């Protein structure tokens, strides 16, 4: 997975959930493996695995979140 829209300092601010972690019901996430990267609201039965790279919106600065979603850099 490559994220050319982010520099090294910004990448450090993008936490990817570890395999086996349960997503918080009602939380907003992106899957970095998806194309396009659309945000979604988690249900209570989603668990991170090796086929996904889930990022919680609550833990990412909004400028970085917007660029992960494909919005232009402010």
N, C-alpha and C. Protein backbone atom coordinates (compact mmCIF):
# COMPACT_ATOMS: atom_id res chain seq x y z
N UNK A 1 0.86 -1.17 0.00
CA UNK A 1 0.00 0.00 0.00
C UNK A 1 0.90 1.23 0.00
N UNK A 2 0.66 2.11 -0.93
CA UNK A 2 1.43 3.35 -1.03
C UNK A 2 0.49 4.52 -0.82
N UNK A 3 1.01 5.53 -0.13
CA UNK A 3 0.24 6.74 0.13
C UNK A 3 1.06 7.95 -0.32
N UNK A 4 1.20 8.14 -1.63
CA UNK A 4 2.07 9.23 -2.12
C UNK A 4 1.58 10.62 -1.76
N UNK A 5 0.32 10.73 -1.36
CA UNK A 5 -0.21 12.05 -1.00
C UNK A 5 0.27 12.54 0.36
N UNK A 6 0.96 11.66 1.11
CA UNK A 6 1.43 12.02 2.46
C UNK A 6 2.94 11.94 2.55
N UNK A 7 3.54 12.86 3.32
CA UNK A 7 4.98 12.77 3.57
C UNK A 7 5.22 11.91 4.82
N UNK A 8 6.46 11.67 5.17
CA UNK A 8 6.80 10.78 6.28
C UNK A 8 6.21 11.24 7.61
N UNK A 9 6.26 12.53 7.90
CA UNK A 9 5.71 13.04 9.16
C UNK A 9 4.20 12.83 9.23
N UNK A 10 3.53 13.00 8.10
CA UNK A 10 2.08 12.79 8.07
C UNK A 10 1.73 11.30 8.21
N UNK A 11 2.51 10.45 7.59
CA UNK A 11 2.26 9.01 7.70
C UNK A 11 2.31 8.53 9.15
N UNK A 12 3.15 9.15 9.94
CA UNK A 12 3.26 8.78 11.35
C UNK A 12 1.98 9.10 12.12
N UNK A 13 1.12 9.94 11.56
CA UNK A 13 -0.12 10.34 12.21
C UNK A 13 -1.33 9.53 11.73
N UNK A 14 -1.07 8.46 10.97
CA UNK A 14 -2.14 7.62 10.43
C UNK A 14 -2.06 6.24 11.08
N UNK A 15 -2.83 6.03 12.14
CA UNK A 15 -2.80 4.73 12.81
C UNK A 15 -3.66 3.70 12.06
N UNK A 16 -3.06 2.57 11.73
CA UNK A 16 -3.78 1.48 11.09
C UNK A 16 -4.04 0.43 12.16
N UNK A 17 -5.29 -0.01 12.26
CA UNK A 17 -5.64 -1.00 13.28
C UNK A 17 -4.94 -2.32 13.04
N UNK A 18 -4.47 -2.93 14.11
CA UNK A 18 -3.80 -4.22 14.03
C UNK A 18 -4.82 -5.32 13.74
N UNK A 19 -4.35 -6.38 13.10
CA UNK A 19 -5.21 -7.54 12.84
C UNK A 19 -5.78 -8.04 14.16
N UNK A 20 -7.07 -8.32 14.16
CA UNK A 20 -7.75 -8.80 15.36
C UNK A 20 -8.44 -7.71 16.16
N UNK A 21 -8.13 -6.44 15.85
CA UNK A 21 -8.77 -5.33 16.57
C UNK A 21 -10.21 -5.19 16.09
N UNK A 22 -11.10 -4.96 17.01
CA UNK A 22 -12.52 -4.77 16.68
C UNK A 22 -12.76 -3.28 16.45
N UNK A 23 -13.46 -2.96 15.36
CA UNK A 23 -13.82 -1.58 15.08
C UNK A 23 -14.94 -1.17 16.03
N UNK A 24 -14.92 0.08 16.46
CA UNK A 24 -15.95 0.59 17.37
C UNK A 24 -17.25 0.81 16.61
N UNK A 25 -18.31 0.22 17.10
CA UNK A 25 -19.61 0.39 16.47
C UNK A 25 -19.97 1.86 16.42
N UNK A 26 -20.36 2.34 15.25
CA UNK A 26 -20.72 3.73 15.06
C UNK A 26 -19.55 4.63 14.72
N UNK A 27 -18.31 4.10 14.82
CA UNK A 27 -17.13 4.89 14.48
C UNK A 27 -16.97 5.01 12.98
N UNK A 28 -16.28 6.06 12.56
CA UNK A 28 -16.03 6.31 11.14
C UNK A 28 -14.61 5.87 10.80
N UNK A 29 -14.48 5.14 9.69
CA UNK A 29 -13.20 4.56 9.28
C UNK A 29 -13.01 4.70 7.78
N UNK A 30 -11.76 4.53 7.36
CA UNK A 30 -11.38 4.32 5.97
C UNK A 30 -10.65 3.01 5.90
N UNK A 31 -10.77 2.34 4.77
CA UNK A 31 -9.94 1.18 4.50
C UNK A 31 -8.95 1.62 3.44
N UNK A 32 -7.67 1.73 3.80
CA UNK A 32 -6.66 2.21 2.86
C UNK A 32 -6.46 1.27 1.68
N UNK A 33 -6.97 0.05 1.77
CA UNK A 33 -6.85 -0.91 0.68
C UNK A 33 -7.93 -0.70 -0.38
N UNK A 34 -8.96 0.06 -0.08
CA UNK A 34 -10.05 0.31 -1.02
C UNK A 34 -9.67 1.38 -2.03
N UNK A 35 -10.23 1.27 -3.22
CA UNK A 35 -10.07 2.30 -4.23
C UNK A 35 -11.41 2.46 -4.93
N UNK A 36 -12.10 3.55 -4.77
CA UNK A 36 -11.71 4.73 -4.00
C UNK A 36 -11.87 4.51 -2.50
N UNK A 37 -11.21 5.36 -1.74
CA UNK A 37 -11.29 5.27 -0.27
C UNK A 37 -12.49 6.06 0.22
N UNK A 38 -13.57 5.35 0.47
CA UNK A 38 -14.77 5.98 1.00
C UNK A 38 -14.85 5.71 2.49
N UNK A 39 -15.24 6.72 3.25
CA UNK A 39 -15.39 6.49 4.68
C UNK A 39 -16.67 5.69 4.91
N UNK A 40 -16.67 4.94 6.01
CA UNK A 40 -17.84 4.14 6.36
C UNK A 40 -18.01 4.14 7.87
N UNK A 41 -19.23 3.84 8.30
CA UNK A 41 -19.55 3.72 9.72
C UNK A 41 -19.54 2.25 10.09
N UNK A 42 -18.74 1.91 11.09
CA UNK A 42 -18.58 0.51 11.47
C UNK A 42 -19.80 -0.02 12.21
N UNK A 43 -20.06 -1.28 11.97
CA UNK A 43 -21.06 -2.01 12.75
C UNK A 43 -20.30 -2.80 13.82
N UNK A 44 -21.00 -3.39 14.74
CA UNK A 44 -20.36 -4.06 15.86
C UNK A 44 -19.66 -5.36 15.54
N UNK A 45 -19.77 -5.85 14.31
CA UNK A 45 -19.20 -7.15 14.00
C UNK A 45 -17.95 -7.09 13.11
N UNK A 46 -17.38 -5.92 12.89
CA UNK A 46 -16.21 -5.81 12.01
C UNK A 46 -14.93 -5.94 12.83
N UNK A 47 -14.06 -6.84 12.38
CA UNK A 47 -12.77 -7.06 13.01
C UNK A 47 -11.69 -6.89 11.94
N UNK A 48 -10.64 -6.15 12.26
CA UNK A 48 -9.55 -5.94 11.31
C UNK A 48 -8.87 -7.25 10.99
N UNK A 49 -8.49 -7.39 9.72
CA UNK A 49 -7.73 -8.57 9.30
C UNK A 49 -6.66 -8.13 8.31
N UNK A 50 -5.90 -9.07 7.81
CA UNK A 50 -4.78 -8.76 6.93
C UNK A 50 -5.17 -8.26 5.55
N UNK A 51 -6.45 -8.38 5.18
CA UNK A 51 -6.90 -7.93 3.86
C UNK A 51 -7.33 -6.47 3.86
N UNK A 52 -7.32 -5.84 5.03
CA UNK A 52 -7.78 -4.46 5.17
C UNK A 52 -6.76 -3.65 5.96
N UNK A 53 -6.83 -2.33 5.79
CA UNK A 53 -5.98 -1.41 6.55
C UNK A 53 -6.90 -0.31 7.05
N UNK A 54 -7.59 -0.59 8.16
CA UNK A 54 -8.59 0.33 8.71
C UNK A 54 -7.93 1.46 9.50
N UNK A 55 -8.39 2.68 9.22
CA UNK A 55 -7.90 3.88 9.90
C UNK A 55 -9.10 4.56 10.56
N UNK A 56 -9.03 4.80 11.88
CA UNK A 56 -10.14 5.48 12.56
C UNK A 56 -10.07 7.00 12.39
N UNK A 57 -11.17 7.58 11.95
CA UNK A 57 -11.22 9.03 11.73
C UNK A 57 -10.92 9.81 13.00
N UNK A 58 -11.35 9.29 14.13
CA UNK A 58 -11.18 10.01 15.40
C UNK A 58 -9.71 10.20 15.79
N UNK A 59 -8.81 9.46 15.15
CA UNK A 59 -7.40 9.53 15.54
C UNK A 59 -6.50 10.13 14.46
N UNK A 60 -7.11 10.76 13.44
CA UNK A 60 -6.34 11.32 12.34
C UNK A 60 -6.68 12.81 12.20
N UNK A 61 -5.67 13.70 12.10
CA UNK A 61 -5.96 15.11 11.86
C UNK A 61 -6.82 15.29 10.60
N UNK A 62 -7.75 16.23 10.65
CA UNK A 62 -8.72 16.34 9.57
C UNK A 62 -8.08 16.64 8.22
N UNK A 63 -6.97 17.39 8.18
CA UNK A 63 -6.33 17.68 6.90
C UNK A 63 -5.80 16.40 6.26
N UNK A 64 -5.23 15.53 7.08
CA UNK A 64 -4.70 14.26 6.58
C UNK A 64 -5.85 13.35 6.17
N UNK A 65 -6.91 13.32 7.00
CA UNK A 65 -8.08 12.49 6.67
C UNK A 65 -8.64 12.88 5.30
N UNK A 66 -8.76 14.17 5.06
CA UNK A 66 -9.31 14.62 3.78
C UNK A 66 -8.45 14.18 2.61
N UNK A 67 -7.14 14.24 2.77
CA UNK A 67 -6.26 13.80 1.68
C UNK A 67 -6.31 12.29 1.49
N UNK A 68 -6.46 11.54 2.59
CA UNK A 68 -6.62 10.08 2.45
C UNK A 68 -7.89 9.75 1.66
N UNK A 69 -8.89 10.59 1.79
CA UNK A 69 -10.14 10.39 1.05
C UNK A 69 -10.03 10.88 -0.39
N UNK A 70 -8.92 11.51 -0.74
CA UNK A 70 -8.73 11.96 -2.10
C UNK A 70 -9.08 13.40 -2.35
N UNK A 71 -9.34 14.15 -1.29
CA UNK A 71 -9.63 15.57 -1.44
C UNK A 71 -8.32 16.34 -1.61
N UNK A 72 -8.40 17.45 -2.28
CA UNK A 72 -7.21 18.26 -2.55
C UNK A 72 -6.58 18.77 -1.27
N UNK A 73 -5.26 18.94 -1.32
CA UNK A 73 -4.53 19.49 -0.17
C UNK A 73 -4.94 20.95 0.02
N UNK A 74 -5.28 21.35 1.28
CA UNK A 74 -5.73 22.73 1.49
C UNK A 74 -4.64 23.74 1.24
